[in-house]
């Protein structure tokens, strides 16, 4: 039963992204990127946060694509290689 893709929803990437953002370090970094009172802190943290968000979006998109391809191949009746 291991390795089956039952849904196309990219839940692994979403959980990993939530864990990275919603921990104390991630929340502090988001705060310093967008709500810091000092312009230098915002200028340093914003590109880092935006790059991390873009990478997380790409990983979520790749997981969705792989899960869609697996679901489509199983719907056609392709045999398992295990």
N, C-alpha and C. Protein backbone atom coordinates (compact mmCIF):
# COMPACT_ATOMS: atom_id res chain seq x y z
N UNK A 1 0.82 -1.19 0.00
CA UNK A 1 0.00 0.00 0.00
C UNK A 1 0.86 1.26 0.00
N UNK A 2 2.15 1.12 0.16
CA UNK A 2 3.02 2.28 0.16
C UNK A 2 3.23 2.83 -1.23
N UNK A 3 3.32 4.14 -1.35
CA UNK A 3 3.58 4.79 -2.62
C UNK A 3 2.36 5.01 -3.48
N UNK A 4 1.18 4.87 -2.96
CA UNK A 4 0.00 5.09 -3.77
C UNK A 4 -0.41 6.55 -3.69
N UNK A 5 -0.81 7.10 -4.81
CA UNK A 5 -1.29 8.48 -4.86
C UNK A 5 -2.81 8.44 -4.96
N UNK A 6 -3.47 8.64 -3.86
CA UNK A 6 -4.93 8.56 -3.85
C UNK A 6 -5.58 9.90 -4.18
N UNK A 7 -4.86 10.97 -4.05
CA UNK A 7 -5.41 12.29 -4.32
C UNK A 7 -4.37 13.12 -5.06
N UNK A 8 -4.84 14.11 -5.78
CA UNK A 8 -3.93 15.01 -6.48
C UNK A 8 -3.51 16.19 -5.60
N UNK A 9 -4.12 16.32 -4.44
CA UNK A 9 -3.84 17.42 -3.55
C UNK A 9 -2.42 17.31 -3.00
N UNK A 10 -1.57 18.33 -3.14
CA UNK A 10 -0.17 18.25 -2.69
C UNK A 10 -0.03 18.47 -1.19
N UNK A 11 -0.53 17.55 -0.40
CA UNK A 11 -0.58 17.74 1.05
C UNK A 11 0.79 17.65 1.70
N UNK A 12 1.72 16.90 1.15
CA UNK A 12 3.04 16.80 1.77
C UNK A 12 3.76 18.14 1.69
N UNK A 13 3.76 18.76 0.53
CA UNK A 13 4.42 20.06 0.36
C UNK A 13 3.72 21.14 1.17
N UNK A 14 2.40 21.09 1.22
CA UNK A 14 1.68 22.10 2.00
C UNK A 14 1.97 21.97 3.49
N UNK A 15 2.05 20.74 4.00
CA UNK A 15 2.39 20.56 5.40
C UNK A 15 3.82 21.02 5.70
N UNK A 16 4.75 20.71 4.80
CA UNK A 16 6.13 21.15 4.98
C UNK A 16 6.23 22.67 4.94
N UNK A 17 5.52 23.30 4.03
CA UNK A 17 5.53 24.76 3.94
C UNK A 17 4.93 25.40 5.19
N UNK A 18 3.82 24.82 5.67
CA UNK A 18 3.21 25.35 6.89
C UNK A 18 4.14 25.20 8.09
N UNK A 19 4.84 24.07 8.16
CA UNK A 19 5.78 23.87 9.27
C UNK A 19 6.93 24.86 9.21
N UNK A 20 7.39 25.20 8.00
CA UNK A 20 8.48 26.16 7.86
C UNK A 20 8.04 27.58 8.21
N UNK A 21 6.81 27.91 7.89
CA UNK A 21 6.35 29.29 8.10
C UNK A 21 5.80 29.49 9.52
N UNK A 22 5.10 28.52 10.05
CA UNK A 22 4.38 28.71 11.30
C UNK A 22 5.18 28.32 12.55
N UNK A 23 6.49 28.20 12.45
CA UNK A 23 7.28 28.02 13.65
C UNK A 23 7.77 29.39 14.13
N UNK A 24 8.30 29.50 15.34
CA UNK A 24 8.69 30.83 15.84
C UNK A 24 9.73 31.54 14.98
N UNK A 25 10.69 30.82 14.43
CA UNK A 25 11.70 31.45 13.59
C UNK A 25 11.08 31.96 12.29
N UNK A 26 10.22 31.15 11.67
CA UNK A 26 9.57 31.57 10.44
C UNK A 26 8.66 32.77 10.63
N UNK A 27 7.90 32.76 11.72
CA UNK A 27 7.03 33.91 12.00
C UNK A 27 7.83 35.17 12.28
N UNK A 28 8.96 35.03 12.98
CA UNK A 28 9.81 36.19 13.26
C UNK A 28 10.41 36.73 11.97
N UNK A 29 10.80 35.83 11.08
CA UNK A 29 11.38 36.26 9.81
C UNK A 29 10.33 36.96 8.95
N UNK A 30 9.10 36.44 8.93
CA UNK A 30 8.02 37.12 8.20
C UNK A 30 7.74 38.50 8.78
N UNK A 31 7.75 38.58 10.11
CA UNK A 31 7.52 39.87 10.76
C UNK A 31 8.62 40.87 10.40
N UNK A 32 9.86 40.42 10.42
CA UNK A 32 10.95 41.35 10.09
C UNK A 32 10.96 41.71 8.61
N UNK A 33 10.40 40.84 7.77
CA UNK A 33 10.38 41.14 6.33
C UNK A 33 9.31 42.16 5.96
N UNK A 34 8.18 42.13 6.66
CA UNK A 34 7.07 42.98 6.23
C UNK A 34 6.62 44.00 7.27
N UNK A 35 6.89 43.78 8.54
CA UNK A 35 6.37 44.66 9.58
C UNK A 35 7.44 45.29 10.44
N UNK A 36 8.70 45.17 10.07
CA UNK A 36 9.77 45.75 10.88
C UNK A 36 9.74 47.27 10.78
N UNK A 37 10.09 47.90 11.87
CA UNK A 37 10.11 49.36 11.87
C UNK A 37 11.33 49.93 11.20
N UNK A 38 12.31 49.11 10.95
CA UNK A 38 13.56 49.57 10.34
C UNK A 38 13.61 49.15 8.88
N UNK A 39 13.90 50.08 8.01
CA UNK A 39 13.91 49.83 6.57
C UNK A 39 15.00 48.83 6.18
N UNK A 40 16.15 48.87 6.84
CA UNK A 40 17.24 47.95 6.50
C UNK A 40 16.84 46.50 6.74
N UNK A 41 16.15 46.24 7.83
CA UNK A 41 15.70 44.87 8.12
C UNK A 41 14.71 44.40 7.07
N UNK A 42 13.81 45.28 6.65
CA UNK A 42 12.85 44.89 5.61
C UNK A 42 13.56 44.63 4.29
N UNK A 43 14.54 45.49 3.94
CA UNK A 43 15.25 45.32 2.67
C UNK A 43 16.08 44.04 2.64
N UNK A 44 16.55 43.59 3.77
CA UNK A 44 17.34 42.35 3.82
C UNK A 44 16.42 41.14 3.80
N UNK A 45 15.35 41.18 4.54
CA UNK A 45 14.51 39.99 4.73
C UNK A 45 13.51 39.77 3.60
N UNK A 46 13.02 40.82 2.96
CA UNK A 46 11.99 40.65 1.93
C UNK A 46 12.43 39.78 0.75
N UNK A 47 13.60 39.99 0.16
CA UNK A 47 13.98 39.11 -0.96
C UNK A 47 14.15 37.65 -0.53
N UNK A 48 14.62 37.43 0.68
CA UNK A 48 14.79 36.07 1.17
C UNK A 48 13.43 35.40 1.34
N UNK A 49 12.48 36.11 1.93
CA UNK A 49 11.14 35.55 2.15
C UNK A 49 10.44 35.32 0.82
N UNK A 50 10.53 36.25 -0.09
CA UNK A 50 9.86 36.10 -1.38
C UNK A 50 10.47 34.96 -2.20
N UNK A 51 11.78 34.78 -2.12
CA UNK A 51 12.43 33.66 -2.79
C UNK A 51 12.00 32.34 -2.19
N UNK A 52 11.92 32.27 -0.86
CA UNK A 52 11.47 31.05 -0.19
C UNK A 52 10.03 30.73 -0.56
N UNK A 53 9.17 31.75 -0.63
CA UNK A 53 7.78 31.52 -1.03
C UNK A 53 7.69 31.02 -2.48
N UNK A 54 8.53 31.56 -3.36
CA UNK A 54 8.53 31.10 -4.74
C UNK A 54 9.00 29.66 -4.84
N UNK A 55 10.02 29.29 -4.06
CA UNK A 55 10.50 27.91 -4.07
C UNK A 55 9.43 26.97 -3.53
N UNK A 56 8.74 27.38 -2.47
CA UNK A 56 7.67 26.54 -1.92
C UNK A 56 6.54 26.38 -2.94
N UNK A 57 6.22 27.44 -3.68
CA UNK A 57 5.16 27.34 -4.70
C UNK A 57 5.57 26.39 -5.81
N UNK A 58 6.84 26.41 -6.22
CA UNK A 58 7.32 25.50 -7.26
C UNK A 58 7.27 24.06 -6.78
N UNK A 59 7.66 23.81 -5.53
CA UNK A 59 7.63 22.46 -4.99
C UNK A 59 6.19 21.95 -4.90
N UNK A 60 5.27 22.81 -4.48
CA UNK A 60 3.85 22.43 -4.41
C UNK A 60 3.33 22.12 -5.82
N UNK A 61 3.70 22.93 -6.79
CA UNK A 61 3.28 22.68 -8.17
C UNK A 61 3.86 21.38 -8.72
N UNK A 62 5.12 21.09 -8.41
CA UNK A 62 5.72 19.84 -8.87
C UNK A 62 5.05 18.63 -8.23
N UNK A 63 4.73 18.72 -6.94
CA UNK A 63 4.05 17.60 -6.30
C UNK A 63 2.67 17.38 -6.92
N UNK A 64 1.96 18.46 -7.18
CA UNK A 64 0.65 18.33 -7.81
C UNK A 64 0.78 17.69 -9.19
N UNK A 65 1.80 18.10 -9.97
CA UNK A 65 2.00 17.55 -11.30
C UNK A 65 2.32 16.05 -11.24
N UNK A 66 3.20 15.65 -10.34
CA UNK A 66 3.56 14.24 -10.22
C UNK A 66 2.34 13.43 -9.79
N UNK A 67 1.59 13.93 -8.82
CA UNK A 67 0.40 13.21 -8.37
C UNK A 67 -0.64 13.11 -9.49
N UNK A 68 -0.76 14.14 -10.30
CA UNK A 68 -1.70 14.09 -11.43
C UNK A 68 -1.26 13.07 -12.46
N UNK A 69 0.03 13.03 -12.76
CA UNK A 69 0.53 12.05 -13.72
C UNK A 69 0.35 10.63 -13.21
N UNK A 70 0.59 10.40 -11.94
CA UNK A 70 0.39 9.07 -11.37
C UNK A 70 -1.08 8.68 -11.42
N UNK A 71 -1.95 9.60 -11.05
CA UNK A 71 -3.39 9.30 -11.07
C UNK A 71 -3.87 9.03 -12.49
N UNK A 72 -3.36 9.78 -13.46
CA UNK A 72 -3.76 9.59 -14.85
C UNK A 72 -3.26 8.25 -15.38
N UNK A 73 -2.02 7.87 -15.03
CA UNK A 73 -1.50 6.60 -15.52
C UNK A 73 -2.23 5.42 -14.87
N UNK A 74 -2.63 5.56 -13.64
CA UNK A 74 -3.39 4.48 -12.99
C UNK A 74 -4.80 4.39 -13.54
N UNK A 75 -5.36 5.51 -13.96
CA UNK A 75 -6.70 5.48 -14.55
C UNK A 75 -6.68 4.77 -15.91
N UNK A 76 -5.55 4.86 -16.62
CA UNK A 76 -5.43 4.17 -17.91
C UNK A 76 -5.17 2.68 -17.71
N UNK A 77 -4.78 2.28 -16.52
CA UNK A 77 -4.56 0.86 -16.27
C UNK A 77 -3.11 0.44 -16.41
N UNK A 78 -2.17 1.34 -16.27
CA UNK A 78 -0.76 0.99 -16.34
C UNK A 78 -0.42 0.14 -15.11
N UNK A 79 0.31 -0.93 -15.32
CA UNK A 79 0.61 -1.85 -14.21
C UNK A 79 1.66 -1.25 -13.27
N UNK A 80 1.59 -1.71 -12.02
CA UNK A 80 2.56 -1.26 -11.02
C UNK A 80 3.87 -2.01 -11.22
N UNK A 81 4.98 -1.36 -10.90
CA UNK A 81 6.30 -1.96 -11.07
C UNK A 81 6.85 -2.49 -9.76
N UNK A 82 6.05 -2.62 -8.73
CA UNK A 82 6.57 -3.07 -7.45
C UNK A 82 6.46 -4.51 -7.25
